Amino acid sequence: VQLQASGGGLVQAGGSLRLSCAASGRTFATMGWFRQAPGKEREFVAAISWSGSSTAYTDSVKGRFTISRDNAKNTLYLQMNSLKLEDTAVYYCTSGYSGRSDYWGQGTQVTVSS
């Protein structure tokens, strides 16, 4: 089982990025994104159900980030708009939303500059 995250990079504040997470080896009913900023604990960002009909976001990204998935491609996405300096972090995809999964992507760096 492997989760491969990609799409991070350097972007100016106010800009956009789209993260992808390709899963292989199995499918997951619920998938999520977490992030970890320097010197901080890893935190929940967003999660989505299998059908996509149920989503959840941490308050700080509501209205700016959109989580989605393409089950045919077994791929998870995170569209990030209106990026802020405080969004700078390593972003991880995972199964579930508790943060206690055994399955994590390798992380992709998002850096927002002023």
Protein backbone atom coordinates (compact mmCIF):
# COMPACT_ATOMS: atom_id res chain seq x y z
CA VAL A 1 0.00 0.00 0.00
CA GLN A 2 1.38 3.37 -1.00
CA LEU A 3 0.20 6.96 -0.88
CA GLN A 4 2.12 9.30 -3.15
CA ALA A 5 1.57 13.02 -2.58
CA SER A 6 2.56 15.67 -5.08
CA GLY A 7 1.79 19.20 -6.19
CA GLY A 8 3.45 21.26 -3.50
CA GLY A 9 5.68 24.19 -4.26
CA LEU A 10 6.42 27.85 -3.69
CA VAL A 11 3.58 30.29 -4.23
CA GLN A 12 2.89 33.90 -3.36
CA ALA A 13 0.28 34.80 -0.82
CA GLY A 14 -3.12 34.85 -2.47
CA GLY A 15 -2.12 32.22 -4.98
CA SER A 16 -3.33 28.69 -5.52
CA LEU A 17 -1.97 25.17 -5.54
CA ARG A 18 -3.53 21.77 -6.13
CA LEU A 19 -2.20 18.81 -4.22
CA SER A 20 -2.70 15.25 -5.39
CA CYS A 21 -2.36 11.95 -3.58
CA ALA A 22 -2.29 8.77 -5.62
CA ALA A 23 -3.12 5.62 -3.70
CA SER A 24 -2.06 2.16 -4.76
CA GLY A 25 -2.54 -1.26 -3.28
CA ARG A 26 -5.96 -0.65 -1.79
CA THR A 27 -8.80 1.82 -1.55
CA PHE A 28 -9.89 3.77 1.49
CA ALA A 29 -13.39 4.72 2.54
CA THR A 30 -12.37 8.04 4.05
CA MET A 31 -9.28 10.01 3.17
CA GLY A 32 -7.82 13.15 4.54
CA TRP A 33 -5.10 15.76 4.48
CA PHE A 34 -2.98 16.84 7.42
CA ARG A 35 -0.19 19.38 7.60
CA GLN A 36 2.75 20.12 9.82
CA ALA A 37 4.35 23.53 10.04
CA PRO A 38 7.87 24.02 11.40
CA GLY A 39 7.92 23.69 15.16
CA LYS A 40 4.26 22.68 15.32
CA GLU A 41 2.35 19.45 15.68
CA ARG A 42 0.71 17.81 12.74
CA GLU A 43 -2.86 19.08 12.34
CA PHE A 44 -5.98 18.02 10.51
CA VAL A 45 -6.82 19.98 7.37
CA ALA A 46 -9.65 18.21 5.54
CA ALA A 47 -11.33 14.85 5.01
CA ILE A 48 -13.73 13.33 2.52
CA SER A 49 -15.98 10.28 2.44
CA TRP A 50 -15.89 7.64 -0.25
CA SER A 51 -18.75 9.15 -2.22
CA GLY A 52 -17.53 12.68 -1.72
CA SER A 53 -20.87 13.69 -0.29
CA SER A 54 -19.38 14.34 3.14
CA THR A 55 -16.43 16.63 3.74
CA ALA A 56 -14.88 18.30 6.75
CA TYR A 57 -12.39 21.14 7.12
CA THR A 58 -10.49 22.79 9.85
CA ASP A 59 -11.84 26.29 10.46
CA SER A 60 -8.76 28.08 9.18
CA VAL A 61 -9.14 26.71 5.63
CA LYS A 62 -12.93 26.76 5.23
CA GLY A 63 -13.94 28.65 2.12
CA ARG A 64 -10.40 28.52 0.72
CA PHE A 65 -9.57 24.82 0.41
CA THR A 66 -11.59 22.13 -1.33
CA ILE A 67 -11.00 18.42 -0.89
CA SER A 68 -12.12 16.01 -3.60
CA ARG A 69 -11.38 12.55 -4.90
CA ASP A 70 -11.52 10.53 -8.09
CA ASN A 71 -12.19 6.94 -7.11
CA ALA A 72 -11.66 5.66 -10.63
CA LYS A 73 -8.09 6.95 -10.39
CA ASN A 74 -7.80 6.21 -6.66
CA THR A 75 -6.58 9.76 -6.21
CA LEU A 76 -7.25 12.40 -3.58
CA TYR A 77 -6.98 16.13 -4.21
CA LEU A 78 -6.73 19.33 -2.22
CA GLN A 79 -7.40 22.57 -4.09
CA MET A 80 -5.92 25.42 -2.10
CA ASN A 81 -6.91 28.98 -3.00
CA SER A 82 -6.19 32.34 -1.39
CA LEU A 83 -3.14 30.88 0.26
CA LYS A 84 -1.78 32.62 3.34
CA LEU A 85 1.65 32.66 4.93
CA GLU A 86 0.32 30.49 7.73
CA ASP A 87 -0.54 27.74 5.26
CA THR A 88 3.15 27.03 4.86
CA ALA A 89 3.71 23.42 5.93
CA VAL A 90 4.38 19.92 4.78
CA TYR A 91 1.09 18.42 3.67
CA TYR A 92 0.37 14.73 4.14
CA CYS A 93 -2.40 12.58 2.76
CA THR A 94 -3.72 9.73 4.84
CA SER A 95 -6.56 7.31 5.20
CA GLY A 96 -9.31 8.34 7.55
CA TYR A 97 -9.42 11.59 9.48
CA SER A 98 -8.22 10.73 12.99
CA GLY A 99 -4.54 11.09 12.26
CA ARG A 100 -3.90 7.63 13.69
CA SER A 101 -3.80 5.75 10.41
CA ASP A 102 -0.96 3.45 9.49
CA TYR A 103 -1.07 4.84 5.98
CA TRP A 104 0.55 8.16 5.17
CA GLY A 105 1.96 9.77 2.08
CA GLN A 106 5.51 11.03 2.14
CA GLY A 107 4.49 14.67 2.40
CA THR A 108 4.71 17.54 -0.03
CA GLN A 109 6.08 20.96 0.92
CA VAL A 110 3.90 24.03 0.47
CA THR A 111 5.62 27.35 0.97
CA VAL A 112 3.68 30.60 0.79
CA SER A 113 5.73 33.75 0.40
CA SER A 114 4.79 37.39 0.90
